Amino acid sequence: MKLQDKQLATIIPGSIGVNVIDGDLSYAMREFKKQIKDTEVIQNLYNNKYYTKPSVSKRKMLDNAKFLQKNKSDKEKRKWTKFN
């Protein structure tokens, strides 16, 4: 069976799950792990493991935004120093 045909046959539309085709359990597990990763189910479980106050989550978001902004400005400065 071609890989594309196998991919289409393993997908169960509208839900998280896979069909095992030709007894190939390892391929079905790989596809299932991809589906779980794409839906971010595991990440949500880890994030909701402990309660975080809204003020703490906002502070983390602001710190992350500041970090990303600083890195972006540093990269732009390095670009201009190469040409000058």
N, C-alpha and C. Protein backbone atom coordinates (compact mmCIF):
# COMPACT_ATOMS: atom_id res chain seq x y z
N MET A 1 0.84 -1.17 0.00
CA MET A 1 0.00 0.00 0.00
C MET A 1 0.89 1.24 0.00
N LYS A 2 0.53 2.22 -0.83
CA LYS A 2 1.30 3.45 -0.90
C LYS A 2 1.17 4.23 0.41
N LEU A 3 2.16 5.07 0.68
CA LEU A 3 2.19 5.83 1.92
C LEU A 3 1.00 6.77 2.02
N GLN A 4 0.66 7.44 0.92
CA GLN A 4 -0.47 8.37 0.95
C GLN A 4 -1.78 7.63 1.20
N ASP A 5 -1.95 6.48 0.59
CA ASP A 5 -3.16 5.68 0.81
C ASP A 5 -3.23 5.22 2.27
N LYS A 6 -2.07 4.85 2.82
CA LYS A 6 -2.02 4.40 4.21
C LYS A 6 -2.38 5.54 5.16
N GLN A 7 -1.87 6.75 4.85
CA GLN A 7 -2.17 7.91 5.69
C GLN A 7 -3.67 8.18 5.69
N LEU A 8 -4.28 8.17 4.51
CA LEU A 8 -5.71 8.45 4.43
C LEU A 8 -6.54 7.37 5.10
N ALA A 9 -6.09 6.14 5.04
CA ALA A 9 -6.85 5.04 5.62
C ALA A 9 -6.76 5.02 7.15
N THR A 10 -5.66 5.54 7.70
CA THR A 10 -5.50 5.51 9.15
C THR A 10 -6.27 6.62 9.85
N ILE A 11 -6.53 7.72 9.16
CA ILE A 11 -7.18 8.87 9.79
C ILE A 11 -8.66 8.58 10.03
N ILE A 12 -9.12 8.89 11.23
CA ILE A 12 -10.54 8.81 11.56
C ILE A 12 -11.06 10.25 11.57
N PRO A 13 -11.93 10.61 10.63
CA PRO A 13 -12.37 12.01 10.56
C PRO A 13 -13.17 12.43 11.77
N GLY A 14 -12.93 13.65 12.24
CA GLY A 14 -13.71 14.22 13.31
C GLY A 14 -13.34 13.78 14.72
N SER A 15 -12.27 13.04 14.88
CA SER A 15 -11.88 12.62 16.22
C SER A 15 -10.37 12.40 16.27
N ILE A 16 -9.87 12.24 17.48
CA ILE A 16 -8.46 11.91 17.66
C ILE A 16 -8.36 10.40 17.76
N GLY A 17 -7.82 9.79 16.76
CA GLY A 17 -7.67 8.34 16.74
C GLY A 17 -7.23 7.88 15.36
N VAL A 18 -6.75 6.65 15.29
CA VAL A 18 -6.27 6.11 14.03
C VAL A 18 -6.74 4.66 13.87
N ASN A 19 -6.83 4.23 12.64
CA ASN A 19 -7.09 2.83 12.33
C ASN A 19 -5.76 2.13 12.07
N VAL A 20 -5.64 0.89 12.51
CA VAL A 20 -4.43 0.10 12.25
C VAL A 20 -4.65 -0.63 10.94
N ILE A 21 -3.78 -0.37 9.96
CA ILE A 21 -3.89 -0.96 8.63
C ILE A 21 -2.81 -2.03 8.47
N ASP A 22 -3.20 -3.19 8.02
CA ASP A 22 -2.30 -4.32 7.76
C ASP A 22 -1.47 -4.70 8.98
N GLY A 23 -1.98 -4.49 10.17
CA GLY A 23 -1.28 -4.87 11.38
C GLY A 23 -0.04 -4.05 11.67
N ASP A 24 0.10 -2.89 11.02
CA ASP A 24 1.27 -2.03 11.20
C ASP A 24 1.02 -1.09 12.38
N LEU A 25 1.27 -1.59 13.57
CA LEU A 25 1.01 -0.84 14.79
C LEU A 25 1.98 0.32 14.97
N SER A 26 3.22 0.16 14.56
CA SER A 26 4.20 1.24 14.74
C SER A 26 3.81 2.47 13.91
N TYR A 27 3.33 2.26 12.68
CA TYR A 27 2.89 3.39 11.85
C TYR A 27 1.67 4.06 12.47
N ALA A 28 0.75 3.26 12.98
CA ALA A 28 -0.45 3.82 13.61
C ALA A 28 -0.09 4.64 14.84
N MET A 29 0.88 4.18 15.62
CA MET A 29 1.32 4.92 16.81
C MET A 29 1.97 6.25 16.42
N ARG A 30 2.77 6.24 15.36
CA ARG A 30 3.39 7.49 14.90
C ARG A 30 2.32 8.50 14.49
N GLU A 31 1.33 8.05 13.75
CA GLU A 31 0.25 8.94 13.32
C GLU A 31 -0.54 9.46 14.51
N PHE A 32 -0.79 8.59 15.49
CA PHE A 32 -1.54 9.00 16.67
C PHE A 32 -0.77 10.06 17.45
N LYS A 33 0.54 9.88 17.60
CA LYS A 33 1.36 10.86 18.31
C LYS A 33 1.36 12.20 17.60
N LYS A 34 1.38 12.17 16.26
CA LYS A 34 1.31 13.42 15.50
C LYS A 34 0.00 14.14 15.75
N GLN A 35 -1.10 13.38 15.78
CA GLN A 35 -2.41 13.98 16.03
C GLN A 35 -2.47 14.60 17.41
N ILE A 36 -1.97 13.90 18.40
CA ILE A 36 -1.97 14.42 19.77
C ILE A 36 -1.13 15.70 19.86
N LYS A 37 0.03 15.70 19.20
CA LYS A 37 0.90 16.87 19.23
C LYS A 37 0.23 18.06 18.54
N ASP A 38 -0.45 17.83 17.44
CA ASP A 38 -1.11 18.91 16.71
C ASP A 38 -2.26 19.52 17.49
N THR A 39 -2.98 18.72 18.27
CA THR A 39 -4.12 19.24 19.01
C THR A 39 -3.71 19.87 20.34
N GLU A 40 -2.46 19.73 20.73
CA GLU A 40 -1.90 20.32 21.95
C GLU A 40 -2.62 19.86 23.22
N VAL A 41 -3.13 18.64 23.23
CA VAL A 41 -3.82 18.09 24.39
C VAL A 41 -2.86 17.94 25.56
N ILE A 42 -1.70 17.36 25.31
CA ILE A 42 -0.72 17.12 26.36
C ILE A 42 -0.22 18.44 26.92
N GLN A 43 0.04 19.43 26.06
CA GLN A 43 0.51 20.73 26.53
C GLN A 43 -0.52 21.39 27.44
N ASN A 44 -1.80 21.28 27.10
CA ASN A 44 -2.86 21.85 27.94
C ASN A 44 -2.92 21.15 29.30
N LEU A 45 -2.70 19.84 29.32
CA LEU A 45 -2.68 19.12 30.59
C LEU A 45 -1.56 19.63 31.49
N TYR A 46 -0.38 19.82 30.92
CA TYR A 46 0.74 20.33 31.71
C TYR A 46 0.47 21.75 32.20
N ASN A 47 -0.11 22.58 31.33
CA ASN A 47 -0.38 23.96 31.72
C ASN A 47 -1.44 24.06 32.81
N ASN A 48 -2.39 23.16 32.81
CA ASN A 48 -3.47 23.20 33.79
C ASN A 48 -3.19 22.34 35.02
N LYS A 49 -1.98 21.86 35.16
CA LYS A 49 -1.65 21.01 36.29
C LYS A 49 -1.73 21.79 37.60
N TYR A 50 -1.27 23.04 37.57
CA TYR A 50 -1.33 23.91 38.74
C TYR A 50 -2.04 25.20 38.36
N TYR A 51 -2.70 25.80 39.33
CA TYR A 51 -3.37 27.07 39.08
C TYR A 51 -2.35 28.20 39.08
N THR A 52 -2.44 29.04 38.07
CA THR A 52 -1.61 30.23 38.04
C THR A 52 -2.53 31.45 38.04
N LYS A 53 -2.19 32.40 38.86
CA LYS A 53 -2.99 33.60 38.96
C LYS A 53 -2.92 34.37 37.64
N PRO A 54 -3.99 35.07 37.30
CA PRO A 54 -3.98 35.85 36.05
C PRO A 54 -2.85 36.87 36.00
N SER A 55 -2.51 37.48 37.13
CA SER A 55 -1.44 38.47 37.13
C SER A 55 -0.09 37.82 36.80
N VAL A 56 0.11 36.59 37.25
CA VAL A 56 1.37 35.89 36.97
C VAL A 56 1.45 35.52 35.50
N SER A 57 0.34 35.06 34.93
CA SER A 57 0.35 34.69 33.51
C SER A 57 0.56 35.92 32.64
N LYS A 58 -0.04 37.06 33.01
CA LYS A 58 0.17 38.30 32.25
C LYS A 58 1.63 38.74 32.33
N ARG A 59 2.22 38.62 33.52
CA ARG A 59 3.61 39.00 33.70
C ARG A 59 4.53 38.13 32.83
N LYS A 60 4.23 36.83 32.78
CA LYS A 60 5.04 35.93 31.94
C LYS A 60 4.92 36.30 30.48
N MET A 61 3.68 36.63 30.05
CA MET A 61 3.49 37.02 28.65
C MET A 61 4.25 38.30 28.33
N LEU A 62 4.23 39.28 29.24
CA LEU A 62 4.96 40.53 29.02
C LEU A 62 6.47 40.30 28.99
N ASP A 63 6.97 39.47 29.91
CA ASP A 63 8.40 39.16 29.91
C ASP A 63 8.82 38.48 28.62
N ASN A 64 7.98 37.56 28.13
CA ASN A 64 8.28 36.88 26.88
C ASN A 64 8.28 37.87 25.72
N ALA A 65 7.31 38.79 25.69
CA ALA A 65 7.23 39.78 24.62
C ALA A 65 8.46 40.69 24.65
N LYS A 66 8.89 41.10 25.85
CA LYS A 66 10.08 41.94 25.97
C LYS A 66 11.32 41.20 25.46
N PHE A 67 11.43 39.93 25.81
CA PHE A 67 12.57 39.12 25.37
C PHE A 67 12.60 39.02 23.85
N LEU A 68 11.44 38.72 23.25
CA LEU A 68 11.38 38.58 21.80
C LEU A 68 11.69 39.91 21.10
N GLN A 69 11.16 41.01 21.65
CA GLN A 69 11.41 42.32 21.07
C GLN A 69 12.89 42.68 21.14
N LYS A 70 13.53 42.36 22.27
CA LYS A 70 14.95 42.65 22.42
C LYS A 70 15.78 41.86 21.42
N ASN A 71 15.45 40.58 21.25
CA ASN A 71 16.18 39.75 20.29
C ASN A 71 16.00 40.27 18.87
N LYS A 72 14.80 40.72 18.56
CA LYS A 72 14.53 41.23 17.22
C LYS A 72 15.34 42.49 16.96
N SER A 73 15.39 43.39 17.94
CA SER A 73 16.15 44.63 17.76
C SER A 73 17.65 44.33 17.69
N ASP A 74 18.12 43.35 18.46
CA ASP A 74 19.54 42.98 18.40
C ASP A 74 19.92 42.43 17.04
N LYS A 75 19.04 41.63 16.45
CA LYS A 75 19.32 41.08 15.12
C LYS A 75 19.37 42.20 14.08
N GLU A 76 18.46 43.18 14.19
CA GLU A 76 18.47 44.29 13.24
C GLU A 76 19.74 45.12 13.38
N LYS A 77 20.20 45.32 14.62
CA LYS A 77 21.43 46.08 14.83
C LYS A 77 22.61 45.36 14.21
N ARG A 78 22.64 44.03 14.37
CA ARG A 78 23.74 43.26 13.78
C ARG A 78 23.72 43.32 12.26
N LYS A 79 22.53 43.36 11.67
CA LYS A 79 22.44 43.47 10.21
C LYS A 79 23.08 44.77 9.74
N TRP A 80 22.74 45.86 10.41
CA TRP A 80 23.23 47.17 9.99
C TRP A 80 24.72 47.34 10.25
N THR A 81 25.25 46.69 11.25
CA THR A 81 26.68 46.82 11.52
C THR A 81 27.49 46.06 10.48
N LYS A 82 26.92 45.04 9.86
CA LYS A 82 27.64 44.31 8.82
C LYS A 82 27.85 45.17 7.60
N PHE A 83 26.88 46.01 7.27
CA PHE A 83 26.96 46.79 6.05
C PHE A 83 27.73 48.10 6.23
N ASN A 84 27.87 48.56 7.46
CA ASN A 84 28.56 49.84 7.69
C ASN A 84 30.02 49.67 7.93
